[in-house]
Amino acid sequence: MPTTDKKQNIIIRIADVEPFALSIPADDEALYLESEKLVNTLWNKWMKRFKDIDSSEVVMAKVAFQFARLYTMAYRDNKATHEFIANFEKQLDEIVIKV
């Protein structure tokens, strides 16, 4: 989570797509660069794996889908954790009130 409002310009290079500029919170640079690295690592790995089967665009679609799937799983797990904690807090409140 950014602690300042200071912006920073960075260049993102993904796969064989033309690099693009982003203006990001300065405190988030490491997050953006790690995200760029993760996408490129998976894209490079799958380009080698599917080199005779799929085009670069199809491989990138597979990469995008993989990250969307992982995001959806994390979102679902985070929601379940939030619901568990809320239920736990409610039960704890009921126990404390009875004491």
PDB file of N, CA and C in Angstrom:
ATOM      1  N   MET A   1       0.850  -1.173   0.000  1.00  0.00           N
ATOM      2  CA  MET A   1       0.000   0.000   0.000  1.00  0.00           C
ATOM      3  C   MET A   1       0.894   1.234   0.000  1.00  0.00           C
ATOM      4  N   PRO A   2       0.664   2.153  -0.919  1.00  0.00           N
ATOM      5  CA  PRO A   2       1.521   3.338  -0.988  1.00  0.00           C
ATOM      6  C   PRO A   2       1.407   4.198   0.270  1.00  0.00           C
ATOM      7  N   THR A   3       2.562   4.757   0.646  1.00  0.00           N
ATOM      8  CA  THR A   3       2.564   5.637   1.803  1.00  0.00           C
ATOM      9  C   THR A   3       2.687   7.101   1.400  1.00  0.00           C
ATOM     10  N   THR A   4       2.970   7.347   0.121  1.00  0.00           N
ATOM     11  CA  THR A   4       3.072   8.719  -0.371  1.00  0.00           C
ATOM     12  C   THR A   4       2.250   8.861  -1.641  1.00  0.00           C
ATOM     13  N   ASP A   5       2.021  10.122  -2.021  1.00  0.00           N
ATOM     14  CA  ASP A   5       1.303  10.390  -3.265  1.00  0.00           C
ATOM     15  C   ASP A   5       2.262  10.626  -4.423  1.00  0.00           C
ATOM     16  N   LYS A   6       3.565  10.483  -4.192  1.00  0.00           N
ATOM     17  CA  LYS A   6       4.570  10.723  -5.211  1.00  0.00           C
ATOM     18  C   LYS A   6       4.441   9.682  -6.329  1.00  0.00           C
ATOM     19  N   LYS A   7       4.443  10.167  -7.567  1.00  0.00           N
ATOM     20  CA  LYS A   7       4.325   9.289  -8.735  1.00  0.00           C
ATOM     21  C   LYS A   7       5.696   9.069  -9.360  1.00  0.00           C
ATOM     22  N   GLN A   8       5.820   7.965 -10.046  1.00  0.00           N
ATOM     23  CA  GLN A   8       7.054   7.615 -10.741  1.00  0.00           C
ATOM     24  C   GLN A   8       6.681   7.042 -12.093  1.00  0.00           C
ATOM     25  N   ASN A   9       7.437   7.364 -13.115  1.00  0.00           N
ATOM     26  CA  ASN A   9       7.216   6.815 -14.444  1.00  0.00           C
ATOM     27  C   ASN A   9       8.141   5.632 -14.660  1.00  0.00           C
ATOM     28  N   ILE A  10       7.558   4.532 -15.142  1.00  0.00           N
ATOM     29  CA  ILE A  10       8.356   3.356 -15.469  1.00  0.00           C
ATOM     30  C   ILE A  10       7.947   2.853 -16.847  1.00  0.00           C
ATOM     31  N   ILE A  11       8.811   2.052 -17.424  1.00  0.00           N
ATOM     32  CA  ILE A  11       8.531   1.411 -18.712  1.00  0.00           C
ATOM     33  C   ILE A  11       8.357  -0.082 -18.443  1.00  0.00           C
ATOM     34  N   ILE A  12       7.267  -0.640 -18.917  1.00  0.00           N
ATOM     35  CA  ILE A  12       6.978  -2.062 -18.758  1.00  0.00           C
ATOM     36  C   ILE A  12       7.193  -2.753 -20.103  1.00  0.00           C
ATOM     37  N   ARG A  13       7.914  -3.850 -20.064  1.00  0.00           N
ATOM     38  CA  ARG A  13       8.163  -4.645 -21.263  1.00  0.00           C
ATOM     39  C   ARG A  13       7.573  -6.035 -21.028  1.00  0.00           C
ATOM     40  N   ILE A  14       6.538  -6.348 -21.776  1.00  0.00           N
ATOM     41  CA  ILE A  14       5.853  -7.630 -21.653  1.00  0.00           C
ATOM     42  C   ILE A  14       5.955  -8.362 -22.987  1.00  0.00           C
ATOM     43  N   ALA A  15       6.495  -9.566 -22.912  1.00  0.00           N
ATOM     44  CA  ALA A  15       6.590 -10.446 -24.079  1.00  0.00           C
ATOM     45  C   ALA A  15       7.186  -9.711 -25.269  1.00  0.00           C
ATOM     46  N   ASP A  16       6.579  -9.899 -26.435  1.00  0.00           N
ATOM     47  CA  ASP A  16       7.081  -9.232 -27.638  1.00  0.00           C
ATOM     48  C   ASP A  16       6.205  -8.049 -28.036  1.00  0.00           C
ATOM     49  N   VAL A  17       5.495  -7.505 -27.049  1.00  0.00           N
ATOM     50  CA  VAL A  17       4.642  -6.348 -27.252  1.00  0.00           C
ATOM     51  C   VAL A  17       5.485  -5.088 -27.074  1.00  0.00           C
ATOM     52  N   GLU A  18       5.125  -4.033 -27.787  1.00  0.00           N
ATOM     53  CA  GLU A  18       5.842  -2.768 -27.651  1.00  0.00           C
ATOM     54  C   GLU A  18       5.783  -2.301 -26.197  1.00  0.00           C
ATOM     55  N   PRO A  19       6.932  -1.907 -25.625  1.00  0.00           N
ATOM     56  CA  PRO A  19       6.942  -1.431 -24.239  1.00  0.00           C
ATOM     57  C   PRO A  19       5.985  -0.253 -24.047  1.00  0.00           C
ATOM     58  N   PHE A  20       5.467  -0.135 -22.837  1.00  0.00           N
ATOM     59  CA  PHE A  20       4.547   0.962 -22.546  1.00  0.00           C
ATOM     60  C   PHE A  20       4.921   1.607 -21.223  1.00  0.00           C
ATOM     61  N   ALA A  21       4.586   2.885 -21.119  1.00  0.00           N
ATOM     62  CA  ALA A  21       4.906   3.656 -19.921  1.00  0.00           C
ATOM     63  C   ALA A  21       3.720   3.641 -18.963  1.00  0.00           C
ATOM     64  N   LEU A  22       4.047   3.645 -17.690  1.00  0.00           N
ATOM     65  CA  LEU A  22       3.038   3.750 -16.637  1.00  0.00           C
ATOM     66  C   LEU A  22       3.498   4.786 -15.627  1.00  0.00           C
ATOM     67  N   SER A  23       2.552   5.516 -15.091  1.00  0.00           N
ATOM     68  CA  SER A  23       2.820   6.408 -13.969  1.00  0.00           C
ATOM     69  C   SER A  23       2.232   5.726 -12.739  1.00  0.00           C
ATOM     70  N   ILE A  24       3.102   5.376 -11.811  1.00  0.00           N
ATOM     71  CA  ILE A  24       2.687   4.564 -10.668  1.00  0.00           C
ATOM     72  C   ILE A  24       3.083   5.256  -9.366  1.00  0.00           C
ATOM     73  N   PRO A  25       2.448   4.869  -8.260  1.00  0.00           N
ATOM     74  CA  PRO A  25       2.924   5.363  -6.969  1.00  0.00           C
ATOM     75  C   PRO A  25       4.371   4.900  -6.770  1.00  0.00           C
ATOM     76  N   ALA A  26       5.239   5.797  -6.370  1.00  0.00           N
ATOM     77  CA  ALA A  26       6.668   5.487  -6.241  1.00  0.00           C
ATOM     78  C   ALA A  26       6.911   4.277  -5.332  1.00  0.00           C
ATOM     79  N   ASP A  27       6.118   4.144  -4.301  1.00  0.00           N
ATOM     80  CA  ASP A  27       6.299   3.040  -3.355  1.00  0.00           C
ATOM     81  C   ASP A  27       5.941   1.676  -3.947  1.00  0.00           C
ATOM     82  N   ASP A  28       5.274   1.663  -5.095  1.00  0.00           N
ATOM     83  CA  ASP A  28       4.831   0.413  -5.700  1.00  0.00           C
ATOM     84  C   ASP A  28       5.749  -0.102  -6.802  1.00  0.00           C
ATOM     85  N   GLU A  29       6.884   0.536  -7.011  1.00  0.00           N
ATOM     86  CA  GLU A  29       7.759   0.140  -8.119  1.00  0.00           C
ATOM     87  C   GLU A  29       8.129  -1.342  -8.055  1.00  0.00           C
ATOM     88  N   ALA A  30       8.522  -1.830  -6.900  1.00  0.00           N
ATOM     89  CA  ALA A  30       8.924  -3.232  -6.773  1.00  0.00           C
ATOM     90  C   ALA A  30       7.778  -4.173  -7.140  1.00  0.00           C
ATOM     91  N   LEU A  31       6.555  -3.828  -6.745  1.00  0.00           N
ATOM     92  CA  LEU A  31       5.387  -4.640  -7.079  1.00  0.00           C
ATOM     93  C   LEU A  31       5.187  -4.728  -8.587  1.00  0.00           C
ATOM     94  N   TYR A  32       5.278  -3.588  -9.277  1.00  0.00           N
ATOM     95  CA  TYR A  32       5.088  -3.560 -10.717  1.00  0.00           C
ATOM     96  C   TYR A  32       6.189  -4.325 -11.441  1.00  0.00           C
ATOM     97  N   LEU A  33       7.429  -4.159 -10.999  1.00  0.00           N
ATOM     98  CA  LEU A  33       8.538  -4.847 -11.655  1.00  0.00           C
ATOM     99  C   LEU A  33       8.482  -6.352 -11.421  1.00  0.00           C
ATOM    100  N   GLU A  34       8.064  -6.763 -10.243  1.00  0.00           N
ATOM    101  CA  GLU A  34       7.897  -8.190  -9.967  1.00  0.00           C
ATOM    102  C   GLU A  34       6.764  -8.772 -10.812  1.00  0.00           C
ATOM    103  N   SER A  35       5.682  -8.016 -10.978  1.00  0.00           N
ATOM    104  CA  SER A  35       4.572  -8.463 -11.827  1.00  0.00           C
ATOM    105  C   SER A  35       5.038  -8.620 -13.275  1.00  0.00           C
ATOM    106  N   GLU A  36       5.781  -7.635 -13.751  1.00  0.00           N
ATOM    107  CA  GLU A  36       6.332  -7.701 -15.111  1.00  0.00           C
ATOM    108  C   GLU A  36       7.199  -8.952 -15.259  1.00  0.00           C
ATOM    109  N   LYS A  37       8.047  -9.204 -14.281  1.00  0.00           N
ATOM    110  CA  LYS A  37       8.938 -10.365 -14.319  1.00  0.00           C
ATOM    111  C   LYS A  37       8.149 -11.682 -14.340  1.00  0.00           C
ATOM    112  N   LEU A  38       7.126 -11.775 -13.503  1.00  0.00           N
ATOM    113  CA  LEU A  38       6.331 -13.007 -13.450  1.00  0.00           C
ATOM    114  C   LEU A  38       5.638 -13.305 -14.777  1.00  0.00           C
ATOM    115  N   VAL A  39       5.058 -12.271 -15.382  1.00  0.00           N
ATOM    116  CA  VAL A  39       4.380 -12.465 -16.667  1.00  0.00           C
ATOM    117  C   VAL A  39       5.388 -12.899 -17.721  1.00  0.00           C
ATOM    118  N   ASN A  40       6.518 -12.212 -17.793  1.00  0.00           N
ATOM    119  CA  ASN A  40       7.525 -12.545 -18.795  1.00  0.00           C
ATOM    120  C   ASN A  40       8.128 -13.929 -18.589  1.00  0.00           C
ATOM    121  N   THR A  41       8.336 -14.310 -17.337  1.00  0.00           N
ATOM    122  CA  THR A  41       8.878 -15.641 -17.052  1.00  0.00           C
ATOM    123  C   THR A  41       7.941 -16.726 -17.551  1.00  0.00           C
ATOM    124  N   LEU A  42       6.652 -16.588 -17.240  1.00  0.00           N
ATOM    125  CA  LEU A  42       5.687 -17.591 -17.682  1.00  0.00           C
ATOM    126  C   LEU A  42       5.542 -17.571 -19.198  1.00  0.00           C
ATOM    127  N   TRP A  43       5.508 -16.375 -19.805  1.00  0.00           N
ATOM    128  CA  TRP A  43       5.372 -16.272 -21.250  1.00  0.00           C
ATOM    129  C   TRP A  43       6.565 -16.939 -21.943  1.00  0.00           C
ATOM    130  N   ASN A  44       7.779 -16.654 -21.488  1.00  0.00           N
ATOM    131  CA  ASN A  44       8.979 -17.267 -22.089  1.00  0.00           C
ATOM    132  C   ASN A  44       8.958 -18.786 -21.958  1.00  0.00           C
ATOM    133  N   LYS A  45       8.578 -19.261 -20.780  1.00  0.00           N
ATOM    134  CA  LYS A  45       8.507 -20.704 -20.543  1.00  0.00           C
ATOM    135  C   LYS A  45       7.498 -21.358 -21.483  1.00  0.00           C
ATOM    136  N   TRP A  46       6.320 -20.761 -21.592  1.00  0.00           N
ATOM    137  CA  TRP A  46       5.282 -21.345 -22.432  1.00  0.00           C
ATOM    138  C   TRP A  46       5.556 -21.150 -23.923  1.00  0.00           C
ATOM    139  N   MET A  47       6.268 -20.086 -24.287  1.00  0.00           N
ATOM    140  CA  MET A  47       6.641 -19.922 -25.705  1.00  0.00           C
ATOM    141  C   MET A  47       7.541 -21.073 -26.135  1.00  0.00           C
ATOM    142  N   LYS A  48       8.446 -21.500 -25.269  1.00  0.00           N
ATOM    143  CA  LYS A  48       9.316 -22.646 -25.575  1.00  0.00           C
ATOM    144  C   LYS A  48       8.497 -23.934 -25.608  1.00  0.00           C
ATOM    145  N   ARG A  49       7.598 -24.054 -24.650  1.00  0.00           N
ATOM    146  CA  ARG A  49       6.789 -25.271 -24.531  1.00  0.00           C
ATOM    147  C   ARG A  49       5.815 -25.434 -25.706  1.00  0.00           C
ATOM    148  N   PHE A  50       5.214 -24.329 -26.161  1.00  0.00           N
ATOM    149  CA  PHE A  50       4.192 -24.383 -27.208  1.00  0.00           C
ATOM    150  C   PHE A  50       4.670 -23.793 -28.538  1.00  0.00           C
ATOM    151  N   LYS A  51       5.998 -23.727 -28.757  1.00  0.00           N
ATOM    152  CA  LYS A  51       6.537 -23.022 -29.919  1.00  0.00           C
ATOM    153  C   LYS A  51       6.018 -23.540 -31.250  1.00  0.00           C
ATOM    154  N   ASP A  52       5.731 -24.808 -31.356  1.00  0.00           N
ATOM    155  CA  ASP A  52       5.246 -25.368 -32.617  1.00  0.00           C
ATOM    156  C   ASP A  52       3.726 -25.455 -32.681  1.00  0.00           C
ATOM    157  N   ILE A  53       3.065 -25.046 -31.614  1.00  0.00           N
ATOM    158  CA  ILE A  53       1.614 -25.201 -31.526  1.00  0.00           C
ATOM    159  C   ILE A  53       0.885 -23.862 -31.591  1.00  0.00           C
ATOM    160  N   ASP A  54       1.354 -22.888 -30.810  1.00  0.00           N
ATOM    161  CA  ASP A  54       0.614 -21.644 -30.635  1.00  0.00           C
ATOM    162  C   ASP A  54       1.432 -20.420 -31.037  1.00  0.00           C
ATOM    163  N   SER A  55       0.724 -19.392 -31.446  1.00  0.00           N
ATOM    164  CA  SER A  55       1.346 -18.101 -31.744  1.00  0.00           C
ATOM    165  C   SER A  55       1.643 -17.375 -30.438  1.00  0.00           C
ATOM    166  N   SER A  56       2.414 -16.312 -30.539  1.00  0.00           N
ATOM    167  CA  SER A  56       2.721 -15.486 -29.374  1.00  0.00           C
ATOM    168  C   SER A  56       1.440 -14.964 -28.728  1.00  0.00           C
ATOM    169  N   GLU A  57       0.473 -14.570 -29.554  1.00  0.00           N
ATOM    170  CA  GLU A  57      -0.779 -14.029 -29.026  1.00  0.00           C
ATOM    171  C   GLU A  57      -1.563 -15.083 -28.246  1.00  0.00           C
ATOM    172  N   VAL A  58      -1.570 -16.315 -28.749  1.00  0.00           N
ATOM    173  CA  VAL A  58      -2.297 -17.381 -28.059  1.00  0.00           C
ATOM    174  C   VAL A  58      -1.602 -17.714 -26.741  1.00  0.00           C
ATOM    175  N   VAL A  59      -0.279 -17.740 -26.757  1.00  0.00           N
ATOM    176  CA  VAL A  59       0.457 -17.993 -25.519  1.00  0.00           C
ATOM    177  C   VAL A  59       0.177 -16.883 -24.515  1.00  0.00           C
ATOM    178  N   MET A  60       0.153 -15.624 -24.968  1.00  0.00           N
ATOM    179  CA  MET A  60      -0.143 -14.521 -24.052  1.00  0.00           C
ATOM    180  C   MET A  60      -1.566 -14.639 -23.511  1.00  0.00           C
ATOM    181  N   ALA A  61      -2.496 -15.091 -24.324  1.00  0.00           N
ATOM    182  CA  ALA A  61      -3.863 -15.296 -23.836  1.00  0.00           C
ATOM    183  C   ALA A  61      -3.871 -16.372 -22.747  1.00  0.00           C
ATOM    184  N   LYS A  62      -3.082 -17.423 -22.936  1.00  0.00           N
ATOM    185  CA  LYS A  62      -2.992 -18.471 -21.921  1.00  0.00           C
ATOM    186  C   LYS A  62      -2.372 -17.928 -20.633  1.00  0.00           C
ATOM    187  N   VAL A  63      -1.345 -17.085 -20.772  1.00  0.00           N
ATOM    188  CA  VAL A  63      -0.713 -16.469 -19.606  1.00  0.00           C
ATOM    189  C   VAL A  63      -1.731 -15.587 -18.877  1.00  0.00           C
ATOM    190  N   ALA A  64      -2.461 -14.762 -19.635  1.00  0.00           N
ATOM    191  CA  ALA A  64      -3.466 -13.889 -19.032  1.00  0.00           C
ATOM    192  C   ALA A  64      -4.519 -14.718 -18.300  1.00  0.00           C
ATOM    193  N   PHE A  65      -4.944 -15.801 -18.926  1.00  0.00           N
ATOM    194  CA  PHE A  65      -5.944 -16.657 -18.285  1.00  0.00           C
ATOM    195  C   PHE A  65      -5.385 -17.275 -17.003  1.00  0.00           C
ATOM    196  N   GLN A  66      -4.131 -17.717 -17.027  1.00  0.00           N
ATOM    197  CA  GLN A  66      -3.520 -18.310 -15.837  1.00  0.00           C
ATOM    198  C   GLN A  66      -3.495 -17.314 -14.679  1.00  0.00           C
ATOM    199  N   PHE A  67      -3.108 -16.069 -14.963  1.00  0.00           N
ATOM    200  CA  PHE A  67      -3.081 -15.066 -13.901  1.00  0.00           C
ATOM    201  C   PHE A  67      -4.489 -14.713 -13.436  1.00  0.00           C
ATOM    202  N   ALA A  68      -5.440 -14.681 -14.346  1.00  0.00           N
ATOM    203  CA  ALA A  68      -6.832 -14.427 -13.953  1.00  0.00           C
ATOM    204  C   ALA A  68      -7.354 -15.561 -13.071  1.00  0.00           C
ATOM    205  N   ARG A  69      -6.995 -16.797 -13.403  1.00  0.00           N
ATOM    206  CA  ARG A  69      -7.408 -17.953 -12.604  1.00  0.00           C
ATOM    207  C   ARG A  69      -6.808 -17.866 -11.203  1.00  0.00           C
ATOM    208  N   LEU A  70      -5.520 -17.539 -11.134  1.00  0.00           N
ATOM    209  CA  LEU A  70      -4.862 -17.414  -9.835  1.00  0.00           C
ATOM    210  C   LEU A  70      -5.461 -16.276  -9.013  1.00  0.00           C
ATOM    211  N   TYR A  71      -5.779 -15.158  -9.675  1.00  0.00           N
ATOM    212  CA  TYR A  71      -6.417 -14.031  -8.984  1.00  0.00           C
ATOM    213  C   TYR A  71      -7.778 -14.460  -8.429  1.00  0.00           C
ATOM    214  N   THR A  72      -8.543 -15.161  -9.232  1.00  0.00           N
ATOM    215  CA  THR A  72      -9.873 -15.607  -8.815  1.00  0.00           C
ATOM    216  C   THR A  72      -9.778 -16.555  -7.628  1.00  0.00           C
ATOM    217  N   MET A  73      -8.803 -17.466  -7.661  1.00  0.00           N
ATOM    218  CA  MET A  73      -8.608 -18.384  -6.539  1.00  0.00           C
ATOM    219  C   MET A  73      -8.225 -17.616  -5.272  1.00  0.00           C
ATOM    220  N   ALA A  74      -7.306 -16.651  -5.404  1.00  0.00           N
ATOM    221  CA  ALA A  74      -6.881 -15.864  -4.241  1.00  0.00           C
ATOM    222  C   ALA A  74      -8.042 -15.037  -3.700  1.00  0.00           C
ATOM    223  N   TYR A  75      -8.842 -14.468  -4.600  1.00  0.00           N
ATOM    224  CA  TYR A  75     -10.000 -13.675  -4.186  1.00  0.00           C
ATOM    225  C   TYR A  75     -10.991 -14.548  -3.410  1.00  0.00           C
ATOM    226  N   ARG A  76     -11.257 -15.723  -3.938  1.00  0.00           N
ATOM    227  CA  ARG A  76     -12.193 -16.648  -3.278  1.00  0.00           C
ATOM    228  C   ARG A  76     -11.668 -17.052  -1.901  1.00  0.00           C
ATOM    229  N   ASP A  77     -10.362 -17.384  -1.839  1.00  0.00           N
ATOM    230  CA  ASP A  77      -9.774 -17.792  -0.563  1.00  0.00           C
ATOM    231  C   ASP A  77      -9.778 -16.634   0.442  1.00  0.00           C
ATOM    232  N   ASN A  78      -9.496 -15.437  -0.048  1.00  0.00           N
ATOM    233  CA  ASN A  78      -9.487 -14.261   0.816  1.00  0.00           C
ATOM    234  C   ASN A  78     -10.892 -13.980   1.349  1.00  0.00           C
ATOM    235  N   LYS A  79     -11.885 -14.142   0.504  1.00  0.00           N
ATOM    236  CA  LYS A  79     -13.273 -13.940   0.923  1.00  0.00           C
ATOM    237  C   LYS A  79     -13.665 -14.964   1.988  1.00  0.00           C
ATOM    238  N   ALA A  80     -13.257 -16.226   1.771  1.00  0.00           N
ATOM    239  CA  ALA A  80     -13.576 -17.270   2.750  1.00  0.00           C
ATOM    240  C   ALA A  80     -12.881 -16.985   4.079  1.00  0.00           C
ATOM    241  N   THR A  81     -11.655 -16.512   4.027  1.00  0.00           N
ATOM    242  CA  THR A  81     -10.929 -16.171   5.252  1.00  0.00           C
ATOM    243  C   THR A  81     -11.618 -15.027   5.980  1.00  0.00           C
ATOM    244  N   HIS A  82     -12.026 -14.013   5.229  1.00  0.00           N
ATOM    245  CA  HIS A  82     -12.730 -12.872   5.829  1.00  0.00           C
ATOM    246  C   HIS A  82     -14.021 -13.340   6.507  1.00  0.00           C
ATOM    247  N   GLU A  83     -14.779 -14.208   5.839  1.00  0.00           N
ATOM    248  CA  GLU A  83     -16.027 -14.705   6.415  1.00  0.00           C
ATOM    249  C   GLU A  83     -15.753 -15.532   7.668  1.00  0.00           C
ATOM    250  N   PHE A  84     -14.691 -16.349   7.647  1.00  0.00           N
ATOM    251  CA  PHE A  84     -14.326 -17.148   8.823  1.00  0.00           C
ATOM    252  C   PHE A  84     -13.983 -16.248  10.001  1.00  0.00           C
ATOM    253  N   ILE A  85     -13.178 -15.221   9.759  1.00  0.00           N
ATOM    254  CA  ILE A  85     -12.775 -14.305  10.828  1.00  0.00           C
ATOM    255  C   ILE A  85     -13.978 -13.551  11.381  1.00  0.00           C
ATOM    256  N   ALA A  86     -14.864 -13.097  10.487  1.00  0.00           N
ATOM    257  CA  ALA A  86     -16.061 -12.386  10.941  1.00  0.00           C
ATOM    258  C   ALA A  86     -16.917 -13.298  11.818  1.00  0.00           C
ATOM    259  N   ASN A  87     -17.087 -14.543  11.426  1.00  0.00           N
ATOM    260  CA  ASN A  87     -17.872 -15.502  12.207  1.00  0.00           C
ATOM    261  C   ASN A  87     -17.176 -15.792  13.539  1.00  0.00           C
ATOM    262  N   PHE A  88     -15.870 -15.947  13.513  1.00  0.00           N
ATOM    263  CA  PHE A  88     -15.104 -16.186  14.735  1.00  0.00           C
ATOM    264  C   PHE A  88     -15.251 -15.023  15.711  1.00  0.00           C
ATOM    265  N   GLU A  89     -15.133 -13.798  15.189  1.00  0.00           N
ATOM    266  CA  GLU A  89     -15.284 -12.612  16.045  1.00  0.00           C
ATOM    267  C   GLU A  89     -16.682 -12.557  16.649  1.00  0.00           C
ATOM    268  N   LYS A  90     -17.683 -12.922  15.876  1.00  0.00           N
ATOM    269  CA  LYS A  90     -19.062 -12.919  16.389  1.00  0.00           C
ATOM    270  C   LYS A  90     -19.196 -13.941  17.523  1.00  0.00           C
ATOM    271  N   GLN A  91     -18.661 -15.135  17.331  1.00  0.00           N
ATOM    272  CA  GLN A  91     -18.712 -16.161  18.366  1.00  0.00           C
ATOM    273  C   GLN A  91     -17.938 -15.735  19.601  1.00  0.00           C
ATOM    274  N   LEU A  92     -16.798 -15.112  19.398  1.00  0.00           N
ATOM    275  CA  LEU A  92     -15.990 -14.640  20.518  1.00  0.00           C
ATOM    276  C   LEU A  92     -16.729 -13.566  21.308  1.00  0.00           C
ATOM    277  N   ASP A  93     -17.375 -12.653  20.580  1.00  0.00           N
ATOM    278  CA  ASP A  93     -18.174 -11.617  21.251  1.00  0.00           C
ATOM    279  C   ASP A  93     -19.274 -12.247  22.103  1.00  0.00           C
ATOM    280  N   GLU A  94     -19.945 -13.282  21.550  1.00  0.00           N
ATOM    281  CA  GLU A  94     -21.013 -13.943  22.295  1.00  0.00           C
ATOM    282  C   GLU A  94     -20.472 -14.619  23.565  1.00  0.00           C
ATOM    283  N   ILE A  95     -19.285 -15.193  23.461  1.00  0.00           N
ATOM    284  CA  ILE A  95     -18.675 -15.847  24.632  1.00  0.00           C
ATOM    285  C   ILE A  95     -18.315 -14.816  25.690  1.00  0.00           C
ATOM    286  N   VAL A  96     -17.728 -13.716  25.261  1.00  0.00           N
ATOM    287  CA  VAL A  96     -17.304 -12.659  26.202  1.00  0.00           C
ATOM    288  C   VAL A  96     -18.514 -12.044  26.887  1.00  0.00           C
ATOM    289  N   ILE A  97     -19.597 -11.830  26.143  1.00  0.00           N
ATOM    290  CA  ILE A  97     -20.812 -11.240  26.724  1.00  0.00           C
ATOM    291  C   ILE A  97     -21.404 -12.171  27.778  1.00  0.00           C
ATOM    292  N   LYS A  98     -21.342 -13.493  27.574  1.00  0.00           N
ATOM    293  CA  LYS A  98     -21.885 -14.444  28.533  1.00  0.00           C
ATOM    294  C   LYS A  98     -21.067 -14.489  29.816  1.00  0.00           C
ATOM    295  N   VAL A  99     -19.809 -14.140  29.759  1.00  0.00           N
ATOM    296  CA  VAL A  99     -18.931 -14.219  30.938  1.00  0.00           C
ATOM    297  C   VAL A  99     -19.153 -13.093  31.827  1.00  0.00           C
TER     298      VAL A  99
END
